[in-house]
Amino acid sequence: MKYLIITILTFFAATFAFAQSLDAKMEVRAQEIGAQLRCVVCQNQSIEESDASLAEDMRRLVRARLEAGDSNADVIDFMQERYGDYVLLKPPVQGNTFVLWFTPFALVLLGLLWFAFRRQKAIANAPLSEEERAKLDAILKGDER
């Protein structure tokens, strides 16, 4: 009888530990997914960081989808389908996000070009001081000081 009770308690303890490890793994997956999804109220916070009630609802929805057996990609696709591309903290490169992805690079390039041409123009148009003109005349005559 004593061994039967010990066996039953060990079985329940092992079952409980297994369930806890599954819950821990599911929680880690939910947090990984939540870190990739934007809170639509807070704008630049993930649903894991946000305290908004909508973010809480989104976290519950992510966990429900994981418990239903969806993969991480399936959950993200479901949330993207439900809330649009805006819900992704890292939006995909596609036709409607082309401007979003490449405008910063274009602006930096235009700024560098503007700076280079502006500097070149300033150097070309700068008048010489009397001292610089005297040195230039001396160099041109071959009389360096």
N, C-alpha and C. Protein backbone atom coordinates (compact mmCIF):
# COMPACT_ATOMS: atom_id res chain seq x y z
N MET A 1 0.82 -1.19 0.00
CA MET A 1 0.00 0.00 0.00
C MET A 1 0.87 1.26 0.00
N LYS A 2 1.90 1.20 0.82
CA LYS A 2 2.82 2.34 0.93
C LYS A 2 3.46 2.63 -0.43
N TYR A 3 3.87 1.57 -1.15
CA TYR A 3 4.50 1.75 -2.44
C TYR A 3 3.51 2.25 -3.50
N LEU A 4 2.29 1.84 -3.38
CA LEU A 4 1.25 2.30 -4.29
C LEU A 4 1.01 3.80 -4.14
N ILE A 5 0.96 4.27 -2.92
CA ILE A 5 0.77 5.71 -2.66
C ILE A 5 1.97 6.49 -3.16
N ILE A 6 3.16 6.00 -2.92
CA ILE A 6 4.38 6.67 -3.39
C ILE A 6 4.40 6.70 -4.93
N THR A 7 4.00 5.60 -5.56
CA THR A 7 3.96 5.54 -7.02
C THR A 7 2.95 6.53 -7.58
N ILE A 8 1.78 6.61 -6.98
CA ILE A 8 0.74 7.53 -7.44
C ILE A 8 1.19 8.98 -7.25
N LEU A 9 1.77 9.29 -6.10
CA LEU A 9 2.26 10.66 -5.85
C LEU A 9 3.38 11.02 -6.82
N THR A 10 4.26 10.08 -7.10
CA THR A 10 5.35 10.32 -8.05
C THR A 10 4.78 10.57 -9.45
N PHE A 11 3.79 9.80 -9.83
CA PHE A 11 3.15 9.97 -11.13
C PHE A 11 2.52 11.36 -11.25
N PHE A 12 1.79 11.78 -10.21
CA PHE A 12 1.16 13.10 -10.24
C PHE A 12 2.19 14.23 -10.24
N ALA A 13 3.27 14.04 -9.49
CA ALA A 13 4.34 15.05 -9.45
C ALA A 13 5.01 15.17 -10.82
N ALA A 14 5.25 14.02 -11.46
CA ALA A 14 5.88 14.04 -12.78
C ALA A 14 4.95 14.66 -13.81
N THR A 15 3.67 14.34 -13.73
CA THR A 15 2.68 14.92 -14.65
C THR A 15 2.59 16.43 -14.46
N PHE A 16 2.59 16.87 -13.22
CA PHE A 16 2.52 18.30 -12.92
C PHE A 16 3.77 19.01 -13.44
N ALA A 17 4.95 18.41 -13.22
CA ALA A 17 6.20 19.00 -13.70
C ALA A 17 6.22 19.07 -15.22
N PHE A 18 5.72 18.03 -15.88
CA PHE A 18 5.67 18.02 -17.35
C PHE A 18 4.75 19.12 -17.86
N ALA A 19 3.59 19.26 -17.21
CA ALA A 19 2.64 20.31 -17.61
C ALA A 19 3.24 21.69 -17.40
N GLN A 20 3.97 21.87 -16.30
CA GLN A 20 4.62 23.15 -16.02
C GLN A 20 5.68 23.45 -17.08
N SER A 21 6.44 22.44 -17.49
CA SER A 21 7.48 22.68 -18.52
C SER A 21 6.84 23.03 -19.86
N LEU A 22 5.70 22.39 -20.18
CA LEU A 22 4.99 22.74 -21.42
C LEU A 22 4.47 24.17 -21.35
N ASP A 23 3.92 24.55 -20.19
CA ASP A 23 3.44 25.92 -20.03
C ASP A 23 4.58 26.92 -20.14
N ALA A 24 5.75 26.58 -19.59
CA ALA A 24 6.90 27.47 -19.65
C ALA A 24 7.37 27.63 -21.10
N LYS A 25 7.40 26.53 -21.84
CA LYS A 25 7.81 26.60 -23.25
C LYS A 25 6.81 27.43 -24.05
N MET A 26 5.53 27.24 -23.77
CA MET A 26 4.49 27.99 -24.47
C MET A 26 4.61 29.48 -24.13
N GLU A 27 4.91 29.78 -22.88
CA GLU A 27 5.06 31.18 -22.47
C GLU A 27 6.25 31.83 -23.17
N VAL A 28 7.34 31.11 -23.30
CA VAL A 28 8.52 31.64 -24.00
C VAL A 28 8.17 31.92 -25.46
N ARG A 29 7.46 30.99 -26.10
CA ARG A 29 7.03 31.20 -27.49
C ARG A 29 6.11 32.40 -27.59
N ALA A 30 5.18 32.53 -26.65
CA ALA A 30 4.24 33.66 -26.68
C ALA A 30 4.99 34.98 -26.52
N GLN A 31 6.00 35.00 -25.67
CA GLN A 31 6.77 36.24 -25.49
C GLN A 31 7.60 36.56 -26.72
N GLU A 32 8.15 35.53 -27.38
CA GLU A 32 8.90 35.76 -28.62
C GLU A 32 7.99 36.36 -29.69
N ILE A 33 6.79 35.82 -29.81
CA ILE A 33 5.84 36.34 -30.80
C ILE A 33 5.40 37.74 -30.41
N GLY A 34 5.10 37.94 -29.13
CA GLY A 34 4.65 39.25 -28.65
C GLY A 34 5.69 40.34 -28.86
N ALA A 35 6.97 39.97 -28.83
CA ALA A 35 8.04 40.95 -29.04
C ALA A 35 8.08 41.41 -30.50
N GLN A 36 7.48 40.64 -31.41
CA GLN A 36 7.48 40.99 -32.84
C GLN A 36 6.23 41.75 -33.26
N LEU A 37 5.24 41.82 -32.37
CA LEU A 37 3.97 42.45 -32.72
C LEU A 37 3.83 43.80 -32.04
N ARG A 38 3.36 44.79 -32.79
CA ARG A 38 3.20 46.15 -32.30
C ARG A 38 1.85 46.31 -31.63
N CYS A 39 1.84 47.02 -30.52
CA CYS A 39 0.57 47.40 -29.90
C CYS A 39 -0.03 48.50 -30.78
N VAL A 40 -1.23 48.30 -31.25
CA VAL A 40 -1.83 49.26 -32.17
C VAL A 40 -2.26 50.53 -31.46
N VAL A 41 -2.26 50.55 -30.13
CA VAL A 41 -2.60 51.75 -29.37
C VAL A 41 -1.33 52.55 -29.06
N CYS A 42 -0.28 51.85 -28.63
CA CYS A 42 0.96 52.52 -28.17
C CYS A 42 1.91 52.83 -29.31
N GLN A 43 1.71 52.31 -30.45
CA GLN A 43 2.43 52.55 -31.69
C GLN A 43 3.84 51.99 -31.73
N ASN A 44 4.76 52.36 -30.86
CA ASN A 44 6.12 51.85 -30.97
C ASN A 44 6.51 50.96 -29.81
N GLN A 45 5.54 50.28 -29.23
CA GLN A 45 5.82 49.29 -28.21
C GLN A 45 5.28 47.95 -28.68
N SER A 46 5.99 46.91 -28.27
CA SER A 46 5.46 45.58 -28.58
C SER A 46 4.31 45.29 -27.63
N ILE A 47 3.54 44.26 -27.95
CA ILE A 47 2.42 43.94 -27.08
C ILE A 47 2.92 43.40 -25.73
N GLU A 48 4.15 42.92 -25.69
CA GLU A 48 4.72 42.44 -24.42
C GLU A 48 5.10 43.61 -23.53
N GLU A 49 5.47 44.74 -24.09
CA GLU A 49 5.90 45.91 -23.32
C GLU A 49 4.74 46.82 -22.93
N SER A 50 3.66 46.76 -23.67
CA SER A 50 2.56 47.69 -23.50
C SER A 50 1.65 47.33 -22.33
N ASP A 51 1.13 48.36 -21.68
CA ASP A 51 0.17 48.18 -20.60
C ASP A 51 -1.27 48.42 -21.06
N ALA A 52 -1.47 48.70 -22.33
CA ALA A 52 -2.81 49.00 -22.85
C ALA A 52 -3.70 47.76 -22.78
N SER A 53 -4.98 47.99 -22.59
CA SER A 53 -5.91 46.86 -22.50
C SER A 53 -5.99 46.10 -23.82
N LEU A 54 -5.85 46.80 -24.95
CA LEU A 54 -5.86 46.11 -26.24
C LEU A 54 -4.64 45.20 -26.36
N ALA A 55 -3.50 45.63 -25.85
CA ALA A 55 -2.30 44.78 -25.88
C ALA A 55 -2.52 43.53 -25.04
N GLU A 56 -3.20 43.68 -23.91
CA GLU A 56 -3.52 42.52 -23.09
C GLU A 56 -4.42 41.54 -23.87
N ASP A 57 -5.40 42.06 -24.58
CA ASP A 57 -6.26 41.22 -25.40
C ASP A 57 -5.46 40.53 -26.50
N MET A 58 -4.52 41.26 -27.09
CA MET A 58 -3.69 40.67 -28.14
C MET A 58 -2.79 39.57 -27.56
N ARG A 59 -2.25 39.78 -26.36
CA ARG A 59 -1.44 38.73 -25.71
C ARG A 59 -2.28 37.48 -25.46
N ARG A 60 -3.51 37.68 -24.98
CA ARG A 60 -4.40 36.53 -24.75
C ARG A 60 -4.69 35.80 -26.06
N LEU A 61 -4.89 36.56 -27.12
CA LEU A 61 -5.17 35.96 -28.42
C LEU A 61 -3.97 35.14 -28.92
N VAL A 62 -2.77 35.66 -28.73
CA VAL A 62 -1.55 34.93 -29.12
C VAL A 62 -1.47 33.62 -28.36
N ARG A 63 -1.68 33.68 -27.04
CA ARG A 63 -1.61 32.46 -26.23
C ARG A 63 -2.71 31.46 -26.61
N ALA A 64 -3.90 31.96 -26.93
CA ALA A 64 -4.99 31.07 -27.35
C ALA A 64 -4.64 30.37 -28.66
N ARG A 65 -4.04 31.10 -29.58
CA ARG A 65 -3.66 30.49 -30.86
C ARG A 65 -2.56 29.44 -30.65
N LEU A 66 -1.62 29.73 -29.75
CA LEU A 66 -0.57 28.75 -29.46
C LEU A 66 -1.15 27.50 -28.81
N GLU A 67 -2.10 27.68 -27.90
CA GLU A 67 -2.74 26.53 -27.25
C GLU A 67 -3.55 25.73 -28.25
N ALA A 68 -4.04 26.39 -29.31
CA ALA A 68 -4.79 25.68 -30.35
C ALA A 68 -3.86 24.88 -31.26
N GLY A 69 -2.56 25.06 -31.10
CA GLY A 69 -1.60 24.26 -31.87
C GLY A 69 -0.96 24.99 -33.03
N ASP A 70 -1.17 26.30 -33.16
CA ASP A 70 -0.57 27.05 -34.27
C ASP A 70 0.93 27.20 -34.05
N SER A 71 1.67 27.27 -35.15
CA SER A 71 3.10 27.55 -35.07
C SER A 71 3.29 29.06 -34.87
N ASN A 72 4.53 29.46 -34.57
CA ASN A 72 4.81 30.89 -34.40
C ASN A 72 4.46 31.68 -35.66
N ALA A 73 4.83 31.14 -36.81
CA ALA A 73 4.54 31.83 -38.08
C ALA A 73 3.04 31.92 -38.33
N ASP A 74 2.31 30.86 -37.96
CA ASP A 74 0.86 30.89 -38.14
C ASP A 74 0.22 31.97 -37.28
N VAL A 75 0.71 32.12 -36.04
CA VAL A 75 0.15 33.13 -35.14
C VAL A 75 0.44 34.53 -35.68
N ILE A 76 1.66 34.75 -36.14
CA ILE A 76 2.02 36.06 -36.69
C ILE A 76 1.20 36.36 -37.94
N ASP A 77 1.03 35.36 -38.80
CA ASP A 77 0.20 35.54 -40.01
C ASP A 77 -1.25 35.86 -39.64
N PHE A 78 -1.77 35.17 -38.62
CA PHE A 78 -3.14 35.43 -38.18
C PHE A 78 -3.28 36.87 -37.68
N MET A 79 -2.33 37.31 -36.86
CA MET A 79 -2.39 38.68 -36.33
C MET A 79 -2.22 39.71 -37.45
N GLN A 80 -1.36 39.41 -38.42
CA GLN A 80 -1.17 40.32 -39.55
C GLN A 80 -2.44 40.39 -40.40
N GLU A 81 -3.08 39.26 -40.57
CA GLU A 81 -4.34 39.24 -41.34
C GLU A 81 -5.43 40.01 -40.60
N ARG A 82 -5.43 39.89 -39.29
CA ARG A 82 -6.49 40.53 -38.50
C ARG A 82 -6.27 42.03 -38.35
N TYR A 83 -5.01 42.47 -38.11
CA TYR A 83 -4.72 43.87 -37.83
C TYR A 83 -3.98 44.59 -38.96
N GLY A 84 -3.54 43.87 -39.98
CA GLY A 84 -2.81 44.49 -41.08
C GLY A 84 -1.32 44.49 -40.84
N ASP A 85 -0.57 45.00 -41.82
CA ASP A 85 0.89 45.03 -41.72
C ASP A 85 1.38 45.92 -40.59
N TYR A 86 0.55 46.85 -40.17
CA TYR A 86 0.95 47.78 -39.11
C TYR A 86 1.28 47.07 -37.80
N VAL A 87 0.69 45.90 -37.57
CA VAL A 87 0.89 45.18 -36.32
C VAL A 87 2.30 44.61 -36.22
N LEU A 88 3.00 44.50 -37.32
CA LEU A 88 4.36 43.96 -37.31
C LEU A 88 5.34 45.07 -36.97
N LEU A 89 6.20 44.83 -35.98
CA LEU A 89 7.22 45.84 -35.65
C LEU A 89 8.25 45.97 -36.77
N LYS A 90 8.45 44.91 -37.52
CA LYS A 90 9.35 44.93 -38.68
C LYS A 90 8.52 44.59 -39.91
N PRO A 91 7.96 45.61 -40.57
CA PRO A 91 7.07 45.34 -41.70
C PRO A 91 7.83 44.71 -42.87
N PRO A 92 7.14 43.91 -43.69
CA PRO A 92 7.80 43.26 -44.82
C PRO A 92 8.11 44.26 -45.93
N VAL A 93 9.13 43.96 -46.72
CA VAL A 93 9.45 44.80 -47.88
C VAL A 93 8.54 44.35 -49.01
N GLN A 94 7.61 45.21 -49.37
CA GLN A 94 6.67 44.93 -50.45
C GLN A 94 6.29 46.27 -51.07
N GLY A 95 5.46 46.22 -52.08
CA GLY A 95 5.12 47.43 -52.83
C GLY A 95 4.62 48.59 -51.99
N ASN A 96 3.74 48.30 -51.02
CA ASN A 96 3.18 49.40 -50.23
C ASN A 96 4.09 49.84 -49.10
N THR A 97 5.19 49.12 -48.83
CA THR A 97 6.13 49.57 -47.78
C THR A 97 7.48 49.97 -48.38
N PHE A 98 7.55 50.03 -49.70
CA PHE A 98 8.80 50.39 -50.37
C PHE A 98 9.31 51.75 -49.90
N VAL A 99 8.43 52.72 -49.84
CA VAL A 99 8.80 54.07 -49.40
C VAL A 99 9.30 54.05 -47.96
N LEU A 100 8.64 53.30 -47.11
CA LEU A 100 9.02 53.18 -45.71
C LEU A 100 10.43 52.66 -45.55
N TRP A 101 10.80 51.68 -46.34
CA TRP A 101 12.11 51.05 -46.21
C TRP A 101 13.23 51.86 -46.85
N PHE A 102 12.97 52.51 -47.99
CA PHE A 102 14.07 53.09 -48.74
C PHE A 102 14.16 54.61 -48.68
N THR A 103 13.17 55.29 -48.14
CA THR A 103 13.24 56.75 -48.01
C THR A 103 14.40 57.20 -47.11
N PRO A 104 14.64 56.57 -45.97
CA PRO A 104 15.77 57.02 -45.14
C PRO A 104 17.11 56.95 -45.88
N PHE A 105 17.34 55.87 -46.64
CA PHE A 105 18.58 55.76 -47.39
C PHE A 105 18.68 56.83 -48.47
N ALA A 106 17.57 57.09 -49.15
CA ALA A 106 17.55 58.12 -50.19
C ALA A 106 17.81 59.50 -49.60
N LEU A 107 17.23 59.78 -48.43
CA LEU A 107 17.44 61.09 -47.80
C LEU A 107 18.89 61.27 -47.35
N VAL A 108 19.50 60.23 -46.82
CA VAL A 108 20.91 60.31 -46.43
C VAL A 108 21.78 60.53 -47.66
N LEU A 109 21.51 59.81 -48.73
CA LEU A 109 22.28 59.98 -49.96
C LEU A 109 22.12 61.40 -50.52
N LEU A 110 20.90 61.90 -50.56
CA LEU A 110 20.67 63.27 -51.04
C LEU A 110 21.37 64.30 -50.15
N GLY A 111 21.35 64.07 -48.84
CA GLY A 111 22.03 64.98 -47.93
C GLY A 111 23.54 64.99 -48.16
N LEU A 112 24.13 63.83 -48.38
CA LEU A 112 25.57 63.76 -48.65
C LEU A 112 25.92 64.43 -49.96
N LEU A 113 25.10 64.20 -50.99
CA LEU A 113 25.34 64.85 -52.27
C LEU A 113 25.22 66.37 -52.16
N TRP A 114 24.18 66.82 -51.45
CA TRP A 114 24.00 68.26 -51.26
C TRP A 114 25.20 68.86 -50.54
N PHE A 115 25.66 68.18 -49.48
CA PHE A 115 26.80 68.67 -48.72
C PHE A 115 28.06 68.73 -49.59
N ALA A 116 28.29 67.69 -50.40
CA ALA A 116 29.48 67.65 -51.25
C ALA A 116 29.46 68.75 -52.29
N PHE A 117 28.32 68.94 -52.97
CA PHE A 117 28.25 69.99 -54.00
C PHE A 117 28.28 71.38 -53.38
N ARG A 118 27.67 71.55 -52.24
CA ARG A 118 27.65 72.84 -51.56
C ARG A 118 29.07 73.23 -51.14
N ARG A 119 29.80 72.25 -50.61
CA ARG A 119 31.18 72.51 -50.16
C ARG A 119 32.07 72.82 -51.36
N GLN A 120 31.90 72.07 -52.44
CA GLN A 120 32.69 72.29 -53.64
C GLN A 120 32.42 73.69 -54.21
N LYS A 121 31.16 74.09 -54.20
CA LYS A 121 30.80 75.41 -54.70
C LYS A 121 31.39 76.50 -53.81
N ALA A 122 31.36 76.29 -52.50
CA ALA A 122 31.89 77.29 -51.57
C ALA A 122 33.40 77.44 -51.74
N ILE A 123 34.09 76.34 -51.96
CA ILE A 123 35.54 76.39 -52.14
C ILE A 123 35.88 77.09 -53.45
N ALA A 124 35.12 76.80 -54.50
CA ALA A 124 35.40 77.38 -55.81
C ALA A 124 35.14 78.89 -55.82
N ASN A 125 34.18 79.37 -55.06
CA ASN A 125 33.80 80.77 -55.10
C ASN A 125 34.43 81.62 -54.00
N ALA A 126 35.21 81.03 -53.15
CA ALA A 126 35.78 81.80 -52.04
C ALA A 126 36.89 82.71 -52.56
N PRO A 127 36.80 84.02 -52.26
CA PRO A 127 37.86 84.94 -52.70
C PRO A 127 39.12 84.75 -51.86
N LEU A 128 40.26 85.09 -52.48
CA LEU A 128 41.53 84.97 -51.76
C LEU A 128 41.79 86.23 -50.95
N SER A 129 42.38 86.02 -49.78
CA SER A 129 42.78 87.17 -48.97
C SER A 129 44.04 87.78 -49.60
N GLU A 130 44.43 88.94 -49.14
CA GLU A 130 45.61 89.62 -49.69
C GLU A 130 46.86 88.78 -49.47
N GLU A 131 46.95 88.15 -48.31
CA GLU A 131 48.12 87.32 -48.02
C GLU A 131 48.17 86.10 -48.95
N GLU A 132 46.98 85.45 -49.17
CA GLU A 132 46.92 84.30 -50.05
C GLU A 132 47.23 84.69 -51.50
N ARG A 133 46.74 85.88 -51.91
CA ARG A 133 47.00 86.34 -53.27
C ARG A 133 48.50 86.61 -53.46
N ALA A 134 49.16 87.17 -52.44
CA ALA A 134 50.60 87.43 -52.53
C ALA A 134 51.38 86.12 -52.63
N LYS A 135 50.99 85.11 -51.84
CA LYS A 135 51.66 83.81 -51.90
C LYS A 135 51.46 83.17 -53.27
N LEU A 136 50.24 83.27 -53.81
CA LEU A 136 49.94 82.70 -55.11
C LEU A 136 50.77 83.38 -56.20
N ASP A 137 50.85 84.69 -56.15
CA ASP A 137 51.67 85.43 -57.13
C ASP A 137 53.12 85.02 -57.04
N ALA A 138 53.61 84.85 -55.81
CA ALA A 138 55.01 84.44 -55.62
C ALA A 138 55.25 83.04 -56.19
N ILE A 139 54.31 82.15 -55.96
CA ILE A 139 54.46 80.78 -56.46
C ILE A 139 54.42 80.77 -57.99
N LEU A 140 53.50 81.54 -58.58
CA LEU A 140 53.39 81.58 -60.02
C LEU A 140 54.63 82.19 -60.68
N LYS A 141 55.27 83.15 -60.02
CA LYS A 141 56.50 83.77 -60.55
C LYS A 141 57.71 82.90 -60.30
N GLY A 142 57.55 81.85 -59.45
CA GLY A 142 58.68 80.98 -59.15
C GLY A 142 59.52 81.50 -57.99
N ASP A 143 58.99 82.44 -57.27
CA ASP A 143 59.70 83.10 -56.16
C ASP A 143 59.05 82.66 -54.83
N GLU A 144 59.23 81.44 -54.43
CA GLU A 144 58.57 80.96 -53.21
C GLU A 144 59.26 81.51 -51.99
N ARG A 145 58.50 81.83 -50.97
CA ARG A 145 59.07 82.39 -49.73
C ARG A 145 59.25 81.33 -48.70
